[in-house]
Structures are given as C-alpha cells and as structure tokens.
Amino acid sequence: MPRYDFRCRSCGATFELRRTMAQANDPAVCPQGHEDTVKLLSTVAVTGAGSGSAPQAPA
C-alpha cells in the first residue's frame, strides 16, 4: 500500500499515512487533530540488481 507524507499547516507536524491510491487525495487529519493539512511531494529511489554501471554507447 502506498505511503503518503503530509504536513499540518496549524502545528507544522509532518506525518505519513498508508492508504490506497484511490484515497490518495482524501483529506488527512494530523496526529494532533488539526484538519488543515497538505500532502507533500515524495521522491522515490529505485535501485536494481544490475552490474553497477550504466551501459556505454558504442563509439
């Protein structure tokens, strides 16, 4: 299940929620009970089990 990060505009707390993609844009309440929150843009790092180097273009 995807994880979404939020920040509370009232108290400044940041928190995460795990919810379905269908619920991604639903309002979130901060742990302190404030309803004025904003969803943060999250970055995802993907790594593979490759050879460790990028393929080189032919010369």
C-alpha atoms as a PDB file:
ATOM      1  CA  MET A   1       0.000   0.000   0.000  1.00  0.00           C
ATOM      2  CA  PRO A   2       1.448   3.411  -0.917  1.00  0.00           C
ATOM      3  CA  ARG A   3       2.714   5.787   1.743  1.00  0.00           C
ATOM      4  CA  TYR A   4       1.805   9.478   1.591  1.00  0.00           C
ATOM      5  CA  ASP A   5       3.503  12.253   3.549  1.00  0.00           C
ATOM      6  CA  PHE A   6       1.536  15.190   4.922  1.00  0.00           C
ATOM      7  CA  ARG A   7       2.329  18.418   6.782  1.00  0.00           C
ATOM      8  CA  CYS A   8      -0.015  20.164   9.183  1.00  0.00           C
ATOM      9  CA  ARG A   9      -0.385  23.868   8.463  1.00  0.00           C
ATOM     10  CA  SER A  10      -1.595  24.524  12.019  1.00  0.00           C
ATOM     11  CA  CYS A  11       1.219  22.972  14.071  1.00  0.00           C
ATOM     12  CA  GLY A  12       3.881  22.172  11.442  1.00  0.00           C
ATOM     13  CA  ALA A  13       3.977  18.441  12.199  1.00  0.00           C
ATOM     14  CA  THR A  14       4.854  16.081   9.369  1.00  0.00           C
ATOM     15  CA  PHE A  15       3.370  12.605   9.307  1.00  0.00           C
ATOM     16  CA  GLU A  16       2.760   9.733   6.938  1.00  0.00           C
ATOM     17  CA  LEU A  17      -0.310   7.692   6.127  1.00  0.00           C
ATOM     18  CA  ARG A  18      -0.606   4.408   4.283  1.00  0.00           C
ATOM     19  CA  ARG A  19      -3.712   4.378   2.125  1.00  0.00           C
ATOM     20  CA  THR A  20      -4.928   3.083  -1.191  1.00  0.00           C
ATOM     21  CA  MET A  21      -4.242   5.066  -4.351  1.00  0.00           C
ATOM     22  CA  ALA A  22      -7.976   5.753  -4.587  1.00  0.00           C
ATOM     23  CA  GLN A  23      -7.713   7.580  -1.233  1.00  0.00           C
ATOM     24  CA  ALA A  24      -4.532   9.500  -2.144  1.00  0.00           C
ATOM     25  CA  ASN A  25      -6.252  12.894  -2.376  1.00  0.00           C
ATOM     26  CA  ASP A  26      -8.637  12.429   0.538  1.00  0.00           C
ATOM     27  CA  PRO A  27      -8.237  14.943   3.397  1.00  0.00           C
ATOM     28  CA  ALA A  28      -5.956  13.904   6.252  1.00  0.00           C
ATOM     29  CA  VAL A  29      -6.070  14.854   9.924  1.00  0.00           C
ATOM     30  CA  CYS A  30      -2.752  15.357  11.721  1.00  0.00           C
ATOM     31  CA  PRO A  31      -1.927  13.342  14.873  1.00  0.00           C
ATOM     32  CA  GLN A  32      -2.783  16.443  16.956  1.00  0.00           C
ATOM     33  CA  GLY A  33      -6.292  16.539  15.450  1.00  0.00           C
ATOM     34  CA  HIS A  34      -5.846  19.513  13.088  1.00  0.00           C
ATOM     35  CA  GLU A  35      -7.603  19.278   9.739  1.00  0.00           C
ATOM     36  CA  ASP A  36      -5.594  21.922   7.816  1.00  0.00           C
ATOM     37  CA  THR A  37      -3.031  19.616   6.188  1.00  0.00           C
ATOM     38  CA  VAL A  38      -1.279  19.443   2.840  1.00  0.00           C
ATOM     39  CA  LYS A  39       0.047  16.382   1.002  1.00  0.00           C
ATOM     40  CA  LEU A  40       3.803  16.592   0.368  1.00  0.00           C
ATOM     41  CA  LEU A  41       5.539  15.588  -2.813  1.00  0.00           C
ATOM     42  CA  SER A  42       7.527  12.433  -2.139  1.00  0.00           C
ATOM     43  CA  THR A  43      10.501  11.193  -4.085  1.00  0.00           C
ATOM     44  CA  VAL A  44      11.135   7.531  -4.696  1.00  0.00           C
ATOM     45  CA  ALA A  45      14.535   5.957  -5.191  1.00  0.00           C
ATOM     46  CA  VAL A  46      14.544   2.769  -7.215  1.00  0.00           C
ATOM     47  CA  THR A  47      17.610   0.575  -7.323  1.00  0.00           C
ATOM     48  CA  GLY A  48      18.173  -2.611  -9.244  1.00  0.00           C
ATOM     49  CA  ALA A  49      20.438  -5.582  -9.031  1.00  0.00           C
ATOM     50  CA  GLY A  50      22.319  -4.677 -12.207  1.00  0.00           C
ATOM     51  CA  SER A  51      26.008  -4.732 -12.926  1.00  0.00           C
ATOM     52  CA  GLY A  52      26.567  -1.455 -11.082  1.00  0.00           C
ATOM     53  CA  SER A  53      27.341   0.666 -14.142  1.00  0.00           C
ATOM     54  CA  ALA A  54      25.294   2.212 -16.899  1.00  0.00           C
ATOM     55  CA  PRO A  55      25.596   0.782 -20.389  1.00  0.00           C
ATOM     56  CA  GLN A  56      28.025   2.619 -22.626  1.00  0.00           C
ATOM     57  CA  ALA A  57      27.056   3.950 -26.075  1.00  0.00           C
ATOM     58  CA  PRO A  58      29.033   2.449 -28.953  1.00  0.00           C
ATOM     59  CA  ALA A  59      31.926   4.657 -30.098  1.00  0.00           C
END
